[in-house]
Structures are given as structure tokens and as C-alpha cells.
Amino acid sequence: VQLVESGGGLLQPGGSLRLSCAASGFTFSNYALSWYRQVPGTVHNLVSTITTTGVSTTYLNSVKGRFTNPRDKDKSTVYLQMNDLRPEDTATYYCNARTGTNEYWGQGTQVTVSS
């Protein structure tokens, strides 16, 4: 079982970035997929979730209207499209896959927004 995030990097405020989370080793379509982010010394914050039926919910108020999280079942991949990035979006972003009984995490990808 693997969740592999990619796409992180360093960019200036106002820029856009798309994170990818590629899944393997389990039935992707059966899992709700979430993005979390974490700043060192703090807990994970749930950013957004997309259900098995494609219903997306953004939980973090500060990113509403700027971040979206589509999933591609054919590629077993979920994305986090981040627009109008701000310095406060700097964090390690983690992908999570969950059913009622199983839960998997990716290794995280760093996003740094700085001028």
C-alpha cells in the first residue's frame, strides 16, 4: 500500500501549485481521500476531503475559494490545486485515504510560500 505525494516546492505569494497523491496497493475508489497540512510544532489540520462519490468539502476556512481537491479514479490519484498561495499556506501537506476500517497516509510534501 502506498500513497505518494508530489508537486511541492518553493514559490512566491500569489502563485499556484498542484499537489498529486498517487495511490497503489488498495482499491482507490473505495476510499475517501483527504489532504492535511502541518506546520512544525502543531497538529495536522484537515484541509479538504473528497468522498468515494466525488463530493468535496473544504474544512479549512482560510483556503476556501482557493484550493480544490479533484480525484481521478482512472489514475488512482487525488490532487490539491492551490491558487493564490499565501505565506501562511507554508506547511507539509499530507494525503490520507480512509474507509471505515483502514487508513493510510502519504509521506508528505513540503510547500513553502515566501517572497
C-alpha atoms as a PDB file:
ATOM      1  CA  VAL A   1       0.000   0.000   0.000  1.00  0.00           C
ATOM      2  CA  GLN A   2       1.376   3.370  -0.966  1.00  0.00           C
ATOM      3  CA  LEU A   3       0.313   6.973  -1.108  1.00  0.00           C
ATOM      4  CA  VAL A   4       2.976   9.068  -2.768  1.00  0.00           C
ATOM      5  CA  GLU A   5       2.668  12.830  -2.751  1.00  0.00           C
ATOM      6  CA  SER A   6       4.490  15.047  -5.191  1.00  0.00           C
ATOM      7  CA  GLY A   7       4.422  18.582  -6.509  1.00  0.00           C
ATOM      8  CA  GLY A   8       5.589  20.555  -3.510  1.00  0.00           C
ATOM      9  CA  GLY A   9       8.101  23.341  -3.752  1.00  0.00           C
ATOM     10  CA  LEU A  10       9.059  26.918  -3.098  1.00  0.00           C
ATOM     11  CA  LEU A  11       7.098  29.719  -4.690  1.00  0.00           C
ATOM     12  CA  GLN A  12       6.160  33.339  -4.263  1.00  0.00           C
ATOM     13  CA  PRO A  13       2.889  34.633  -2.811  1.00  0.00           C
ATOM     14  CA  GLY A  14       0.081  34.691  -5.322  1.00  0.00           C
ATOM     15  CA  GLY A  15       1.355  31.678  -7.190  1.00  0.00           C
ATOM     16  CA  SER A  16      -0.335  28.344  -7.890  1.00  0.00           C
ATOM     17  CA  LEU A  17       0.723  24.790  -7.279  1.00  0.00           C
ATOM     18  CA  ARG A  18      -0.850  21.391  -7.815  1.00  0.00           C
ATOM     19  CA  LEU A  19      -0.031  18.571  -5.452  1.00  0.00           C
ATOM     20  CA  SER A  20      -0.594  14.986  -6.521  1.00  0.00           C
ATOM     21  CA  CYS A  21      -1.162  11.905  -4.422  1.00  0.00           C
ATOM     22  CA  ALA A  22      -0.820   8.634  -6.308  1.00  0.00           C
ATOM     23  CA  ALA A  23      -2.292   5.552  -4.665  1.00  0.00           C
ATOM     24  CA  SER A  24      -1.410   1.911  -5.158  1.00  0.00           C
ATOM     25  CA  GLY A  25      -1.979  -1.379  -3.404  1.00  0.00           C
ATOM     26  CA  PHE A  26      -5.619  -0.853  -2.471  1.00  0.00           C
ATOM     27  CA  THR A  27      -8.966  -0.221  -4.142  1.00  0.00           C
ATOM     28  CA  PHE A  28      -8.747   3.513  -4.639  1.00  0.00           C
ATOM     29  CA  SER A  29     -12.425   4.005  -5.453  1.00  0.00           C
ATOM     30  CA  ASN A  30     -13.484   2.636  -2.048  1.00  0.00           C
ATOM     31  CA  TYR A  31     -11.643   5.291  -0.057  1.00  0.00           C
ATOM     32  CA  ALA A  32     -12.424   8.847   0.920  1.00  0.00           C
ATOM     33  CA  LEU A  33      -9.375  10.998   0.257  1.00  0.00           C
ATOM     34  CA  SER A  34      -8.236  13.928   2.313  1.00  0.00           C
ATOM     35  CA  TRP A  35      -5.475  16.475   2.395  1.00  0.00           C
ATOM     36  CA  TYR A  36      -3.998  17.604   5.690  1.00  0.00           C
ATOM     37  CA  ARG A  37      -1.274  20.088   6.377  1.00  0.00           C
ATOM     38  CA  GLN A  38       1.060  20.525   9.286  1.00  0.00           C
ATOM     39  CA  VAL A  39       3.388  23.227  10.474  1.00  0.00           C
ATOM     40  CA  PRO A  40       6.216  22.035  12.765  1.00  0.00           C
ATOM     41  CA  GLY A  41       5.132  22.021  16.385  1.00  0.00           C
ATOM     42  CA  THR A  42       1.426  21.917  15.598  1.00  0.00           C
ATOM     43  CA  VAL A  43      -1.145  19.230  14.869  1.00  0.00           C
ATOM     44  CA  HIS A  44      -2.333  18.177  11.458  1.00  0.00           C
ATOM     45  CA  ASN A  45      -5.084  20.394  10.082  1.00  0.00           C
ATOM     46  CA  LEU A  46      -7.674  18.877   7.789  1.00  0.00           C
ATOM     47  CA  VAL A  47      -7.748  20.882   4.587  1.00  0.00           C
ATOM     48  CA  SER A  48     -10.304  19.067   2.459  1.00  0.00           C
ATOM     49  CA  THR A  49     -11.929  15.707   1.764  1.00  0.00           C
ATOM     50  CA  ILE A  50     -13.437  14.156  -1.324  1.00  0.00           C
ATOM     51  CA  THR A  51     -15.732  11.181  -0.860  1.00  0.00           C
ATOM     52  CA  THR A  52     -15.980   7.991  -2.903  1.00  0.00           C
ATOM     53  CA  THR A  53     -18.847   9.570  -4.834  1.00  0.00           C
ATOM     54  CA  GLY A  54     -16.881  12.720  -5.633  1.00  0.00           C
ATOM     55  CA  VAL A  55     -18.404  15.068  -3.077  1.00  0.00           C
ATOM     56  CA  SER A  56     -15.761  17.544  -1.971  1.00  0.00           C
ATOM     57  CA  THR A  57     -15.719  19.506   1.258  1.00  0.00           C
ATOM     58  CA  THR A  58     -13.182  22.129   2.290  1.00  0.00           C
ATOM     59  CA  TYR A  59     -12.781  22.328   6.046  1.00  0.00           C
ATOM     60  CA  LEU A  60     -10.080  24.922   6.421  1.00  0.00           C
ATOM     61  CA  ASN A  61     -11.746  28.318   6.144  1.00  0.00           C
ATOM     62  CA  SER A  62      -8.577  30.103   5.127  1.00  0.00           C
ATOM     63  CA  VAL A  63      -8.299  28.117   1.881  1.00  0.00           C
ATOM     64  CA  LYS A  64     -11.948  28.163   0.795  1.00  0.00           C
ATOM     65  CA  GLY A  65     -12.217  29.539  -2.697  1.00  0.00           C
ATOM     66  CA  ARG A  66      -8.506  28.999  -3.346  1.00  0.00           C
ATOM     67  CA  PHE A  67      -7.952  25.232  -3.015  1.00  0.00           C
ATOM     68  CA  THR A  68      -9.771  22.380  -4.759  1.00  0.00           C
ATOM     69  CA  ASN A  69      -9.214  18.623  -4.484  1.00  0.00           C
ATOM     70  CA  PRO A  70     -10.334  16.640  -7.535  1.00  0.00           C
ATOM     71  CA  ARG A  71      -9.752  12.917  -7.812  1.00  0.00           C
ATOM     72  CA  ASP A  72      -9.025  10.872 -10.913  1.00  0.00           C
ATOM     73  CA  LYS A  73     -10.194   7.294 -10.465  1.00  0.00           C
ATOM     74  CA  ASP A  74      -8.557   6.144 -13.695  1.00  0.00           C
ATOM     75  CA  LYS A  75      -5.166   7.300 -12.422  1.00  0.00           C
ATOM     76  CA  SER A  76      -5.825   6.439  -8.759  1.00  0.00           C
ATOM     77  CA  THR A  77      -4.716   9.946  -7.942  1.00  0.00           C
ATOM     78  CA  VAL A  78      -6.091  12.804  -5.917  1.00  0.00           C
ATOM     79  CA  TYR A  79      -4.915  16.352  -6.397  1.00  0.00           C
ATOM     80  CA  LEU A  80      -4.781  19.509  -4.372  1.00  0.00           C
ATOM     81  CA  GLN A  81      -4.951  22.511  -6.643  1.00  0.00           C
ATOM     82  CA  MET A  82      -3.769  25.534  -4.707  1.00  0.00           C
ATOM     83  CA  ASN A  83      -4.228  29.035  -6.087  1.00  0.00           C
ATOM     84  CA  ASP A  84      -3.361  32.471  -4.759  1.00  0.00           C
ATOM     85  CA  LEU A  85      -0.933  30.969  -2.301  1.00  0.00           C
ATOM     86  CA  ARG A  86      -0.018  32.917   0.821  1.00  0.00           C
ATOM     87  CA  PRO A  87       2.910  32.662   3.237  1.00  0.00           C
ATOM     88  CA  GLU A  88       0.554  31.162   5.827  1.00  0.00           C
ATOM     89  CA  ASP A  89      -0.031  28.225   3.486  1.00  0.00           C
ATOM     90  CA  THR A  90       3.532  27.126   4.141  1.00  0.00           C
ATOM     91  CA  ALA A  91       3.348  23.615   5.573  1.00  0.00           C
ATOM     92  CA  THR A  92       3.945  19.969   4.902  1.00  0.00           C
ATOM     93  CA  TYR A  93       0.955  18.587   3.046  1.00  0.00           C
ATOM     94  CA  TYR A  94      -0.158  15.007   3.590  1.00  0.00           C
ATOM     95  CA  CYS A  95      -2.519  12.796   1.675  1.00  0.00           C
ATOM     96  CA  ASN A  96      -4.840  10.459   3.595  1.00  0.00           C
ATOM     97  CA  ALA A  97      -7.042   7.599   2.395  1.00  0.00           C
ATOM     98  CA  ARG A  98      -9.707   6.222   4.695  1.00  0.00           C
ATOM     99  CA  THR A  99     -12.520   3.719   4.807  1.00  0.00           C
ATOM    100  CA  GLY A 100     -14.439   2.591   7.853  1.00  0.00           C
ATOM    101  CA  THR A 101     -11.700   0.145   8.801  1.00  0.00           C
ATOM    102  CA  ASN A 102      -8.494   1.198   7.051  1.00  0.00           C
ATOM    103  CA  GLU A 103      -6.471   4.371   6.899  1.00  0.00           C
ATOM    104  CA  TYR A 104      -3.302   5.200   5.012  1.00  0.00           C
ATOM    105  CA  TRP A 105      -1.002   8.217   4.958  1.00  0.00           C
ATOM    106  CA  GLY A 106       1.498   9.533   2.480  1.00  0.00           C
ATOM    107  CA  GLN A 107       4.948  10.731   3.427  1.00  0.00           C
ATOM    108  CA  GLY A 108       4.172  14.403   2.926  1.00  0.00           C
ATOM    109  CA  THR A 109       5.387  17.083   0.560  1.00  0.00           C
ATOM    110  CA  GLN A 110       6.684  20.492   1.597  1.00  0.00           C
ATOM    111  CA  VAL A 111       5.135  23.682   0.296  1.00  0.00           C
ATOM    112  CA  THR A 112       6.900  26.940   1.083  1.00  0.00           C
ATOM    113  CA  VAL A 113       5.408  30.285   0.102  1.00  0.00           C
ATOM    114  CA  SER A 114       7.830  33.140   0.501  1.00  0.00           C
ATOM    115  CA  SER A 115       8.908  36.281  -1.269  1.00  0.00           C
END
